[in-house]
């Protein structure tokens, strides 16, 4: 009996959070998350403010939870590459592009002016150690400080390319974008390998 009641409560909480998340993303099509008030979000989700405050404090908290779930899904999809003995950068780039394409409604919002571009930087930074190790194996011999700057350069350029893809309504296939990212990245890496 107690288990059944807890299960019903959990289901209600899940539905409430789902409505809040969907409503937030809909509102973010119009304006940045930090300009969305809890009252506005509750009105959109048709949920009272007391219910909202039992789960979150701000609209940003809702976005943080969405991003955490999305990040966990990407990491889960990339686990094989991230924990392999030798990282396959090409395969990893393809997986990321495919995943972004599959979640394009959400990604287009995150990559828009109203979104949180730093989110993608955080995701890419999670694999930094393995990526840098892969570059070092390819012959890139930069100091740690220089490698940090080079990594930042590659990440920033990659995010800009993905943002442009989203802005163009993701008309290119994930494979085409992955190939473009890989070529740009590889060109940068080749420029860093000492002869």
N, C-alpha and C. Protein backbone atom coordinates (compact mmCIF):
# COMPACT_ATOMS: atom_id res chain seq x y z
N UNK A 1 0.82 -1.19 0.00
CA UNK A 1 0.00 0.00 0.00
C UNK A 1 0.88 1.27 0.00
N UNK A 2 1.91 1.30 0.89
CA UNK A 2 2.82 2.44 0.95
C UNK A 2 3.60 2.57 -0.36
N UNK A 3 4.07 1.43 -0.88
CA UNK A 3 4.82 1.42 -2.14
C UNK A 3 3.95 1.97 -3.28
N UNK A 4 2.68 1.57 -3.31
CA UNK A 4 1.77 2.03 -4.36
C UNK A 4 1.59 3.54 -4.27
N UNK A 5 1.43 4.07 -3.06
CA UNK A 5 1.26 5.51 -2.87
C UNK A 5 2.53 6.25 -3.30
N UNK A 6 3.71 5.72 -2.93
CA UNK A 6 4.98 6.35 -3.30
C UNK A 6 5.13 6.35 -4.82
N UNK A 7 4.75 5.25 -5.47
CA UNK A 7 4.85 5.16 -6.92
C UNK A 7 3.96 6.20 -7.60
N UNK A 8 2.73 6.39 -7.08
CA UNK A 8 1.84 7.40 -7.64
C UNK A 8 2.43 8.79 -7.46
N UNK A 9 2.99 9.05 -6.28
CA UNK A 9 3.59 10.34 -6.00
C UNK A 9 4.77 10.57 -6.94
N UNK A 10 5.63 9.58 -7.10
CA UNK A 10 6.78 9.72 -7.98
C UNK A 10 6.34 10.01 -9.42
N UNK A 11 5.29 9.34 -9.85
CA UNK A 11 4.78 9.54 -11.21
C UNK A 11 4.26 10.97 -11.37
N UNK A 12 3.57 11.47 -10.34
CA UNK A 12 3.07 12.85 -10.40
C UNK A 12 4.23 13.84 -10.44
N UNK A 13 5.24 13.58 -9.65
CA UNK A 13 6.42 14.46 -9.64
C UNK A 13 7.08 14.45 -11.02
N UNK A 14 7.21 13.27 -11.60
CA UNK A 14 7.82 13.16 -12.94
C UNK A 14 7.01 13.94 -13.97
N UNK A 15 5.68 13.81 -13.92
CA UNK A 15 4.83 14.55 -14.86
C UNK A 15 4.95 16.05 -14.64
N UNK A 16 4.95 16.47 -13.40
CA UNK A 16 5.09 17.89 -13.09
C UNK A 16 6.38 18.44 -13.64
N UNK A 17 7.47 17.73 -13.38
CA UNK A 17 8.77 18.18 -13.86
C UNK A 17 8.81 18.17 -15.39
N UNK A 18 8.20 17.17 -16.01
CA UNK A 18 8.17 17.09 -17.46
C UNK A 18 7.44 18.31 -18.05
N UNK A 19 6.29 18.66 -17.47
CA UNK A 19 5.55 19.83 -17.95
C UNK A 19 6.35 21.11 -17.76
N UNK A 20 7.03 21.23 -16.63
CA UNK A 20 7.85 22.41 -16.39
C UNK A 20 9.01 22.50 -17.40
N UNK A 21 9.64 21.39 -17.67
CA UNK A 21 10.76 21.37 -18.62
C UNK A 21 10.29 21.72 -20.03
N UNK A 22 9.20 21.11 -20.45
CA UNK A 22 8.67 21.41 -21.79
C UNK A 22 8.26 22.87 -21.89
N UNK A 23 7.64 23.39 -20.84
CA UNK A 23 7.21 24.78 -20.84
C UNK A 23 8.40 25.72 -20.86
N UNK A 24 9.44 25.39 -20.11
CA UNK A 24 10.63 26.23 -20.11
C UNK A 24 11.24 26.30 -21.51
N UNK A 25 11.37 25.16 -22.15
CA UNK A 25 11.97 25.15 -23.50
C UNK A 25 11.11 25.95 -24.48
N UNK A 26 9.80 25.87 -24.33
CA UNK A 26 8.91 26.65 -25.19
C UNK A 26 9.12 28.15 -24.95
N UNK A 27 9.25 28.54 -23.70
CA UNK A 27 9.48 29.95 -23.38
C UNK A 27 10.86 30.42 -23.84
N UNK A 28 11.84 29.53 -23.80
CA UNK A 28 13.20 29.89 -24.22
C UNK A 28 13.29 30.12 -25.73
N UNK A 29 12.29 29.73 -26.47
CA UNK A 29 12.27 30.06 -27.90
C UNK A 29 12.09 31.57 -28.08
N UNK A 30 11.51 32.20 -27.05
CA UNK A 30 11.20 33.62 -27.11
C UNK A 30 12.19 34.51 -26.36
N UNK A 31 12.76 33.99 -25.25
CA UNK A 31 13.66 34.82 -24.45
C UNK A 31 14.60 33.96 -23.61
N UNK A 32 15.69 34.57 -23.11
CA UNK A 32 16.68 33.82 -22.31
C UNK A 32 16.10 33.31 -21.00
N UNK A 33 16.67 32.23 -20.53
CA UNK A 33 16.18 31.58 -19.31
C UNK A 33 16.18 32.54 -18.12
N UNK A 34 17.17 33.40 -18.02
CA UNK A 34 17.27 34.29 -16.87
C UNK A 34 16.23 35.41 -16.89
N UNK A 35 15.51 35.52 -17.98
CA UNK A 35 14.42 36.51 -18.06
C UNK A 35 13.05 35.85 -17.85
N UNK A 36 13.05 34.55 -17.61
CA UNK A 36 11.80 33.80 -17.40
C UNK A 36 11.57 33.68 -15.89
N UNK A 37 10.45 34.17 -15.44
CA UNK A 37 10.14 34.12 -14.01
C UNK A 37 9.43 32.81 -13.67
N UNK A 38 9.53 32.39 -12.41
CA UNK A 38 8.78 31.20 -11.99
C UNK A 38 7.27 31.34 -12.25
N UNK A 39 6.73 32.54 -12.03
CA UNK A 39 5.30 32.77 -12.27
C UNK A 39 4.94 32.52 -13.72
N UNK A 40 5.75 33.06 -14.62
CA UNK A 40 5.52 32.87 -16.06
C UNK A 40 5.62 31.39 -16.44
N UNK A 41 6.61 30.73 -15.89
CA UNK A 41 6.81 29.31 -16.17
C UNK A 41 5.64 28.48 -15.65
N UNK A 42 5.19 28.80 -14.45
CA UNK A 42 4.05 28.07 -13.86
C UNK A 42 2.78 28.28 -14.68
N UNK A 43 2.58 29.50 -15.14
CA UNK A 43 1.41 29.80 -15.97
C UNK A 43 1.45 28.97 -17.24
N UNK A 44 2.62 28.92 -17.87
CA UNK A 44 2.77 28.15 -19.12
C UNK A 44 2.54 26.66 -18.89
N UNK A 45 3.05 26.14 -17.77
CA UNK A 45 2.93 24.71 -17.46
C UNK A 45 1.60 24.36 -16.80
N UNK A 46 0.82 25.41 -16.46
CA UNK A 46 -0.45 25.22 -15.76
C UNK A 46 -0.25 24.48 -14.44
N UNK A 47 0.75 24.96 -13.70
CA UNK A 47 1.11 24.39 -12.40
C UNK A 47 1.18 25.54 -11.41
N UNK A 48 0.72 25.30 -10.18
CA UNK A 48 0.77 26.40 -9.21
C UNK A 48 2.20 26.61 -8.69
N UNK A 49 2.45 27.80 -8.19
CA UNK A 49 3.80 28.16 -7.76
C UNK A 49 4.29 27.33 -6.58
N UNK A 50 3.40 26.94 -5.69
CA UNK A 50 3.82 26.11 -4.56
C UNK A 50 4.40 24.79 -5.05
N UNK A 51 3.77 24.24 -6.07
CA UNK A 51 4.28 22.99 -6.66
C UNK A 51 5.66 23.23 -7.28
N UNK A 52 5.79 24.34 -7.99
CA UNK A 52 7.08 24.68 -8.59
C UNK A 52 8.16 24.77 -7.52
N UNK A 53 7.87 25.52 -6.46
CA UNK A 53 8.88 25.75 -5.42
C UNK A 53 9.17 24.51 -4.58
N UNK A 54 8.36 23.50 -4.69
CA UNK A 54 8.68 22.26 -3.98
C UNK A 54 9.76 21.46 -4.74
N UNK A 55 10.05 21.88 -5.98
CA UNK A 55 11.07 21.18 -6.79
C UNK A 55 12.23 22.09 -7.20
N UNK A 56 11.96 23.37 -7.44
CA UNK A 56 12.95 24.30 -7.98
C UNK A 56 12.83 25.66 -7.29
N UNK A 57 13.87 26.49 -7.49
CA UNK A 57 13.83 27.86 -7.01
C UNK A 57 13.67 28.85 -8.15
N UNK A 58 14.33 28.54 -9.28
CA UNK A 58 14.30 29.45 -10.44
C UNK A 58 14.13 28.65 -11.72
N UNK A 59 13.85 29.37 -12.80
CA UNK A 59 13.78 28.73 -14.11
C UNK A 59 15.15 28.15 -14.49
N UNK A 60 16.22 28.80 -14.06
CA UNK A 60 17.58 28.31 -14.33
C UNK A 60 17.78 26.93 -13.72
N UNK A 61 17.17 26.68 -12.54
CA UNK A 61 17.28 25.36 -11.90
C UNK A 61 16.65 24.28 -12.78
N UNK A 62 15.55 24.62 -13.43
CA UNK A 62 14.90 23.67 -14.34
C UNK A 62 15.82 23.38 -15.51
N UNK A 63 16.41 24.43 -16.07
CA UNK A 63 17.35 24.25 -17.19
C UNK A 63 18.56 23.43 -16.77
N UNK A 64 19.07 23.69 -15.57
CA UNK A 64 20.22 22.91 -15.08
C UNK A 64 19.89 21.43 -15.02
N UNK A 65 18.68 21.09 -14.60
CA UNK A 65 18.27 19.69 -14.54
C UNK A 65 18.15 19.09 -15.94
N UNK A 66 17.60 19.86 -16.87
CA UNK A 66 17.50 19.39 -18.26
C UNK A 66 18.90 19.12 -18.81
N UNK A 67 19.81 20.06 -18.57
CA UNK A 67 21.17 19.93 -19.07
C UNK A 67 21.89 18.74 -18.44
N UNK A 68 21.66 18.51 -17.15
CA UNK A 68 22.30 17.37 -16.47
C UNK A 68 21.82 16.05 -17.07
N UNK A 69 20.52 15.98 -17.35
CA UNK A 69 19.98 14.76 -17.96
C UNK A 69 20.55 14.55 -19.36
N UNK A 70 20.60 15.63 -20.13
CA UNK A 70 21.13 15.57 -21.50
C UNK A 70 22.60 15.18 -21.48
N UNK A 71 23.36 15.80 -20.59
CA UNK A 71 24.79 15.50 -20.46
C UNK A 71 25.00 14.03 -20.13
N UNK A 72 24.21 13.50 -19.20
CA UNK A 72 24.32 12.10 -18.82
C UNK A 72 24.01 11.19 -20.02
N UNK A 73 23.05 11.59 -20.85
CA UNK A 73 22.71 10.79 -22.03
C UNK A 73 23.87 10.79 -23.04
N UNK A 74 24.48 11.96 -23.24
CA UNK A 74 25.62 12.03 -24.17
C UNK A 74 26.78 11.19 -23.66
N UNK A 75 27.11 11.35 -22.38
CA UNK A 75 28.22 10.59 -21.80
C UNK A 75 27.93 9.10 -21.89
N UNK A 76 26.69 8.72 -21.64
CA UNK A 76 26.31 7.31 -21.75
C UNK A 76 26.51 6.81 -23.18
N UNK A 77 26.12 7.64 -24.15
CA UNK A 77 26.29 7.26 -25.56
C UNK A 77 27.76 7.18 -25.95
N UNK A 78 28.62 7.94 -25.27
CA UNK A 78 30.03 7.99 -25.63
C UNK A 78 30.92 7.11 -24.75
N UNK A 79 30.32 6.43 -23.77
CA UNK A 79 31.13 5.67 -22.81
C UNK A 79 32.13 4.74 -23.47
N UNK A 80 31.71 4.05 -24.51
CA UNK A 80 32.61 3.10 -25.17
C UNK A 80 33.87 3.81 -25.66
N UNK A 81 33.69 5.00 -26.28
CA UNK A 81 34.84 5.73 -26.78
C UNK A 81 35.65 6.36 -25.64
N UNK A 82 34.96 6.90 -24.65
CA UNK A 82 35.64 7.61 -23.56
C UNK A 82 36.51 6.70 -22.71
N UNK A 83 36.09 5.45 -22.59
CA UNK A 83 36.83 4.55 -21.70
C UNK A 83 37.62 3.48 -22.44
N UNK A 84 37.70 3.62 -23.76
CA UNK A 84 38.50 2.69 -24.54
C UNK A 84 39.98 3.00 -24.30
N UNK A 85 40.81 2.00 -24.52
CA UNK A 85 42.25 2.19 -24.30
C UNK A 85 42.81 3.26 -25.22
N UNK A 86 42.40 3.25 -26.47
CA UNK A 86 42.81 4.32 -27.37
C UNK A 86 41.53 4.98 -27.92
N UNK A 87 41.43 6.26 -27.69
CA UNK A 87 40.22 6.99 -28.05
C UNK A 87 40.16 7.18 -29.57
N UNK A 88 38.98 6.96 -30.13
CA UNK A 88 38.76 7.15 -31.55
C UNK A 88 38.01 8.48 -31.71
N UNK A 89 38.77 9.55 -31.95
CA UNK A 89 38.21 10.90 -32.01
C UNK A 89 37.15 10.98 -33.11
N UNK A 90 37.41 10.37 -34.25
CA UNK A 90 36.48 10.40 -35.37
C UNK A 90 35.13 9.80 -34.97
N UNK A 91 35.18 8.65 -34.34
CA UNK A 91 33.95 7.99 -33.91
C UNK A 91 33.23 8.83 -32.85
N UNK A 92 34.00 9.44 -31.97
CA UNK A 92 33.41 10.27 -30.92
C UNK A 92 32.71 11.49 -31.53
N UNK A 93 33.33 12.15 -32.48
CA UNK A 93 32.73 13.30 -33.15
C UNK A 93 31.44 12.89 -33.85
N UNK A 94 31.48 11.73 -34.52
CA UNK A 94 30.28 11.23 -35.20
C UNK A 94 29.15 10.98 -34.20
N UNK A 95 29.47 10.38 -33.07
CA UNK A 95 28.46 10.09 -32.04
C UNK A 95 27.84 11.37 -31.50
N UNK A 96 28.68 12.36 -31.23
CA UNK A 96 28.18 13.64 -30.70
C UNK A 96 27.25 14.30 -31.71
N UNK A 97 27.65 14.34 -32.97
CA UNK A 97 26.82 14.97 -34.01
C UNK A 97 25.50 14.22 -34.19
N UNK A 98 25.57 12.90 -34.17
CA UNK A 98 24.34 12.10 -34.31
C UNK A 98 23.41 12.37 -33.14
N UNK A 99 23.97 12.43 -31.94
CA UNK A 99 23.17 12.65 -30.75
C UNK A 99 22.52 14.03 -30.76
N UNK A 100 23.29 15.05 -31.15
CA UNK A 100 22.75 16.41 -31.25
C UNK A 100 21.62 16.45 -32.27
N UNK A 101 21.80 15.76 -33.38
CA UNK A 101 20.77 15.72 -34.43
C UNK A 101 19.50 15.05 -33.91
N UNK A 102 19.65 13.96 -33.16
CA UNK A 102 18.49 13.26 -32.62
C UNK A 102 17.74 14.12 -31.61
N UNK A 103 18.44 14.99 -30.92
CA UNK A 103 17.85 15.86 -29.90
C UNK A 103 17.81 17.31 -30.39
N UNK A 104 17.59 17.48 -31.69
CA UNK A 104 17.76 18.79 -32.28
C UNK A 104 16.80 19.85 -31.76
N UNK A 105 15.58 19.49 -31.38
CA UNK A 105 14.66 20.51 -30.86
C UNK A 105 15.26 21.18 -29.64
N UNK A 106 15.77 20.37 -28.72
CA UNK A 106 16.41 20.89 -27.51
C UNK A 106 17.71 21.61 -27.85
N UNK A 107 18.52 21.02 -28.70
CA UNK A 107 19.83 21.59 -29.02
C UNK A 107 19.71 22.93 -29.73
N UNK A 108 18.72 23.07 -30.60
CA UNK A 108 18.53 24.35 -31.30
C UNK A 108 18.24 25.46 -30.30
N UNK A 109 17.48 25.14 -29.27
CA UNK A 109 17.19 26.14 -28.23
C UNK A 109 18.45 26.46 -27.44
N UNK A 110 19.20 25.42 -27.05
CA UNK A 110 20.42 25.65 -26.28
C UNK A 110 21.46 26.42 -27.07
N UNK A 111 21.52 26.21 -28.36
CA UNK A 111 22.51 26.86 -29.21
C UNK A 111 22.06 28.23 -29.71
N UNK A 112 20.81 28.60 -29.43
CA UNK A 112 20.30 29.90 -29.86
C UNK A 112 20.81 31.00 -28.93
N UNK A 113 20.48 32.24 -29.26
CA UNK A 113 20.88 33.38 -28.43
C UNK A 113 20.28 33.27 -27.03
N UNK A 114 19.15 32.58 -26.91
CA UNK A 114 18.48 32.43 -25.61
C UNK A 114 18.98 31.23 -24.82
N UNK A 115 19.89 30.47 -25.41
CA UNK A 115 20.34 29.23 -24.79
C UNK A 115 21.57 29.38 -23.93
N UNK A 116 22.24 28.26 -23.74
CA UNK A 116 23.40 28.19 -22.85
C UNK A 116 24.53 27.49 -23.60
N UNK A 117 25.27 28.25 -24.40
CA UNK A 117 26.35 27.67 -25.19
C UNK A 117 27.44 27.08 -24.31
N UNK A 118 27.61 27.59 -23.12
CA UNK A 118 28.63 27.06 -22.20
C UNK A 118 28.36 25.60 -21.86
N UNK A 119 27.12 25.18 -22.00
CA UNK A 119 26.76 23.80 -21.72
C UNK A 119 27.55 22.84 -22.61
N UNK A 120 27.62 23.13 -23.90
CA UNK A 120 28.34 22.25 -24.83
C UNK A 120 29.84 22.26 -24.53
N UNK A 121 30.34 23.41 -24.11
CA UNK A 121 31.75 23.49 -23.73
C UNK A 121 32.03 22.57 -22.54
N UNK A 122 31.12 22.56 -21.58
CA UNK A 122 31.28 21.69 -20.40
C UNK A 122 31.31 20.21 -20.81
N UNK A 123 30.44 19.85 -21.74
CA UNK A 123 30.39 18.45 -22.19
C UNK A 123 31.71 18.07 -22.86
N UNK A 124 32.18 18.92 -23.78
CA UNK A 124 33.42 18.61 -24.48
C UNK A 124 34.61 18.59 -23.54
N UNK A 125 34.57 19.43 -22.53
CA UNK A 125 35.67 19.49 -21.56
C UNK A 125 35.76 18.23 -20.71
N UNK A 126 34.64 17.53 -20.55
CA UNK A 126 34.67 16.29 -19.76
C UNK A 126 35.62 15.26 -20.36
N UNK A 127 35.78 15.28 -21.68
CA UNK A 127 36.66 14.33 -22.33
C UNK A 127 38.03 14.91 -22.64
N UNK A 128 38.33 16.06 -22.07
CA UNK A 128 39.57 16.79 -22.41
C UNK A 128 40.83 15.94 -22.22
N UNK A 129 40.97 15.30 -21.09
CA UNK A 129 42.18 14.52 -20.81
C UNK A 129 42.45 13.47 -21.87
N UNK A 130 41.42 12.74 -22.24
CA UNK A 130 41.59 11.68 -23.23
C UNK A 130 41.85 12.25 -24.62
N UNK A 131 41.19 13.37 -24.93
CA UNK A 131 41.40 13.99 -26.24
C UNK A 131 42.83 14.51 -26.35
N UNK A 132 43.28 15.19 -25.31
CA UNK A 132 44.65 15.72 -25.30
C UNK A 132 45.67 14.58 -25.39
N UNK A 133 45.42 13.49 -24.66
CA UNK A 133 46.32 12.32 -24.75
C UNK A 133 46.38 11.81 -26.19
N UNK A 134 45.22 11.76 -26.86
CA UNK A 134 45.18 11.33 -28.26
C UNK A 134 46.00 12.24 -29.15
N UNK A 135 45.89 13.55 -28.91
CA UNK A 135 46.68 14.51 -29.71
C UNK A 135 48.17 14.33 -29.46
N UNK A 136 48.54 14.11 -28.22
CA UNK A 136 49.96 13.92 -27.90
C UNK A 136 50.50 12.67 -28.62
N UNK A 137 49.67 11.61 -28.68
CA UNK A 137 50.08 10.39 -29.38
C UNK A 137 50.25 10.64 -30.87
N UNK A 138 49.49 11.62 -31.40
CA UNK A 138 49.61 11.96 -32.83
C UNK A 138 50.82 12.83 -33.10
N UNK A 139 51.49 13.30 -32.05
CA UNK A 139 52.70 14.08 -32.24
C UNK A 139 52.61 15.54 -31.84
N UNK A 140 51.49 15.97 -31.27
CA UNK A 140 51.39 17.36 -30.82
C UNK A 140 52.20 17.50 -29.54
N UNK A 141 53.25 18.31 -29.59
CA UNK A 141 54.11 18.45 -28.41
C UNK A 141 54.10 19.91 -27.96
N UNK A 142 53.02 20.28 -27.29
CA UNK A 142 52.88 21.61 -26.73
C UNK A 142 53.01 21.52 -25.21
N UNK A 143 53.35 22.63 -24.60
CA UNK A 143 53.37 22.66 -23.14
C UNK A 143 51.92 22.53 -22.65
N UNK A 144 51.75 22.24 -21.37
CA UNK A 144 50.40 22.10 -20.83
C UNK A 144 49.58 23.37 -21.04
N UNK A 145 50.18 24.53 -20.82
CA UNK A 145 49.48 25.80 -21.02
C UNK A 145 49.08 26.01 -22.47
N UNK A 146 50.00 25.69 -23.38
CA UNK A 146 49.69 25.82 -24.81
C UNK A 146 48.61 24.83 -25.22
N UNK A 147 48.66 23.62 -24.65
CA UNK A 147 47.66 22.61 -24.97
C UNK A 147 46.28 23.06 -24.49
N UNK A 148 46.23 23.70 -23.32
CA UNK A 148 44.96 24.24 -22.82
C UNK A 148 44.39 25.27 -23.80
N UNK A 149 45.28 26.14 -24.30
CA UNK A 149 44.82 27.16 -25.26
C UNK A 149 44.37 26.52 -26.57
N UNK A 150 45.11 25.54 -27.04
CA UNK A 150 44.75 24.85 -28.28
C UNK A 150 43.43 24.12 -28.12
N UNK A 151 43.23 23.46 -26.99
CA UNK A 151 41.98 22.77 -26.72
C UNK A 151 40.82 23.77 -26.72
N UNK A 152 41.01 24.91 -26.06
CA UNK A 152 39.96 25.95 -26.02
C UNK A 152 39.64 26.43 -27.43
N UNK A 153 40.66 26.58 -28.26
CA UNK A 153 40.48 27.01 -29.65
C UNK A 153 39.63 25.98 -30.42
N UNK A 154 39.98 24.73 -30.30
CA UNK A 154 39.26 23.67 -31.01
C UNK A 154 37.81 23.59 -30.52
N UNK A 155 37.61 23.65 -29.20
CA UNK A 155 36.26 23.55 -28.63
C UNK A 155 35.41 24.73 -29.08
N UNK A 156 35.97 25.94 -29.00
CA UNK A 156 35.22 27.13 -29.39
C UNK A 156 34.83 27.08 -30.86
N UNK A 157 35.76 26.69 -31.71
CA UNK A 157 35.47 26.57 -33.13
C UNK A 157 34.43 25.49 -33.42
N UNK A 158 34.53 24.37 -32.71
CA UNK A 158 33.57 23.28 -32.90
C UNK A 158 32.17 23.71 -32.50
N UNK A 159 32.06 24.42 -31.38
CA UNK A 159 30.75 24.89 -30.93
C UNK A 159 30.18 25.90 -31.93
N UNK A 160 31.04 26.78 -32.46
CA UNK A 160 30.57 27.76 -33.45
C UNK A 160 30.05 27.05 -34.70
N UNK A 161 30.74 26.01 -35.13
CA UNK A 161 30.30 25.25 -36.30
C UNK A 161 28.96 24.56 -36.01
N UNK A 162 28.82 23.97 -34.84
CA UNK A 162 27.58 23.29 -34.47
C UNK A 162 26.44 24.31 -34.32
N UNK A 163 26.75 25.48 -33.76
CA UNK A 163 25.74 26.54 -33.63
C UNK A 163 25.24 26.96 -35.02
N UNK A 164 26.16 27.11 -35.97
CA UNK A 164 25.77 27.49 -37.33
C UNK A 164 24.92 26.40 -37.97
N UNK A 165 25.25 25.15 -37.71
CA UNK A 165 24.45 24.01 -38.20
C UNK A 165 23.03 24.12 -37.66
N UNK A 166 22.90 24.42 -36.37
CA UNK A 166 21.58 24.56 -35.76
C UNK A 166 20.84 25.75 -36.36
N UNK A 167 21.57 26.85 -36.58
CA UNK A 167 20.96 28.05 -37.15
C UNK A 167 20.42 27.78 -38.55
N UNK A 168 21.09 26.89 -39.28
CA UNK A 168 20.67 26.50 -40.64
C UNK A 168 19.65 25.36 -40.60
N UNK A 169 19.04 25.15 -39.45
CA UNK A 169 17.99 24.15 -39.26
C UNK A 169 18.49 22.72 -39.45
N UNK A 170 19.79 22.50 -39.21
CA UNK A 170 20.41 21.18 -39.29
C UNK A 170 20.10 20.46 -40.60
N UNK A 171 20.23 21.21 -41.69
CA UNK A 171 19.96 20.63 -43.01
C UNK A 171 21.03 19.62 -43.43
N UNK A 172 22.27 19.83 -42.97
CA UNK A 172 23.33 18.86 -43.25
C UNK A 172 23.13 17.63 -42.36
N UNK A 173 23.61 16.51 -42.83
CA UNK A 173 23.50 15.29 -42.03
C UNK A 173 24.54 15.34 -40.90
N UNK A 174 24.32 14.58 -39.83
CA UNK A 174 25.32 14.50 -38.77
C UNK A 174 26.68 14.05 -39.30
N UNK A 175 26.68 13.12 -40.26
CA UNK A 175 27.94 12.62 -40.83
C UNK A 175 28.69 13.73 -41.55
N UNK A 176 27.98 14.60 -42.27
CA UNK A 176 28.62 15.71 -42.98
C UNK A 176 29.25 16.69 -41.99
N UNK A 177 28.53 16.99 -40.93
CA UNK A 177 29.04 17.92 -39.92
C UNK A 177 30.22 17.29 -39.19
N UNK A 178 30.12 16.01 -38.87
CA UNK A 178 31.22 15.32 -38.19
C UNK A 178 32.48 15.35 -39.06
N UNK A 179 32.32 15.12 -40.37
CA UNK A 179 33.47 15.14 -41.27
C UNK A 179 34.09 16.54 -41.31
N UNK A 180 33.25 17.57 -41.37
CA UNK A 180 33.75 18.94 -41.39
C UNK A 180 34.49 19.27 -40.09
N UNK A 181 33.91 18.86 -38.96
CA UNK A 181 34.57 19.08 -37.66
C UNK A 181 35.90 18.35 -37.60
N UNK A 182 35.90 17.12 -38.06
CA UNK A 182 37.13 16.33 -38.01
C UNK A 182 38.21 16.94 -38.90
N UNK A 183 37.82 17.39 -40.09
CA UNK A 183 38.80 17.99 -40.99
C UNK A 183 39.37 19.27 -40.40
N UNK A 184 38.50 20.10 -39.81
CA UNK A 184 38.96 21.35 -39.19
C UNK A 184 39.87 21.05 -38.00
N UNK A 185 39.47 20.09 -37.20
CA UNK A 185 40.26 19.72 -36.03
C UNK A 185 41.60 19.13 -36.45
N UNK A 186 41.55 18.24 -37.43
CA UNK A 186 42.77 17.58 -37.89
C UNK A 186 43.74 18.57 -38.53
N UNK A 187 43.17 19.56 -39.25
CA UNK A 187 44.02 20.60 -39.85
C UNK A 187 44.76 21.38 -38.77
N UNK A 188 44.03 21.68 -37.69
CA UNK A 188 44.66 22.38 -36.57
C UNK A 188 45.72 21.54 -35.90
N UNK A 189 45.44 20.26 -35.74
CA UNK A 189 46.39 19.35 -35.11
C UNK A 189 47.65 19.22 -35.97
N UNK A 190 47.44 19.05 -37.27
CA UNK A 190 48.60 18.90 -38.17
C UNK A 190 49.49 20.12 -38.13
N UNK A 191 48.89 21.30 -37.92
CA UNK A 191 49.68 22.52 -37.80
C UNK A 191 50.49 22.58 -36.52
N UNK A 192 50.11 21.76 -35.53
CA UNK A 192 50.80 21.77 -34.24
C UNK A 192 51.85 20.67 -34.13
N UNK A 193 51.88 19.76 -35.09
CA UNK A 193 52.88 18.67 -35.03
C UNK A 193 54.20 19.20 -35.57
N UNK A 194 55.21 19.04 -34.76
CA UNK A 194 56.54 19.50 -35.17
C UNK A 194 57.15 18.53 -36.15
N UNK A 195 57.74 19.06 -37.18
CA UNK A 195 58.35 18.22 -38.22
C UNK A 195 59.64 17.61 -37.74
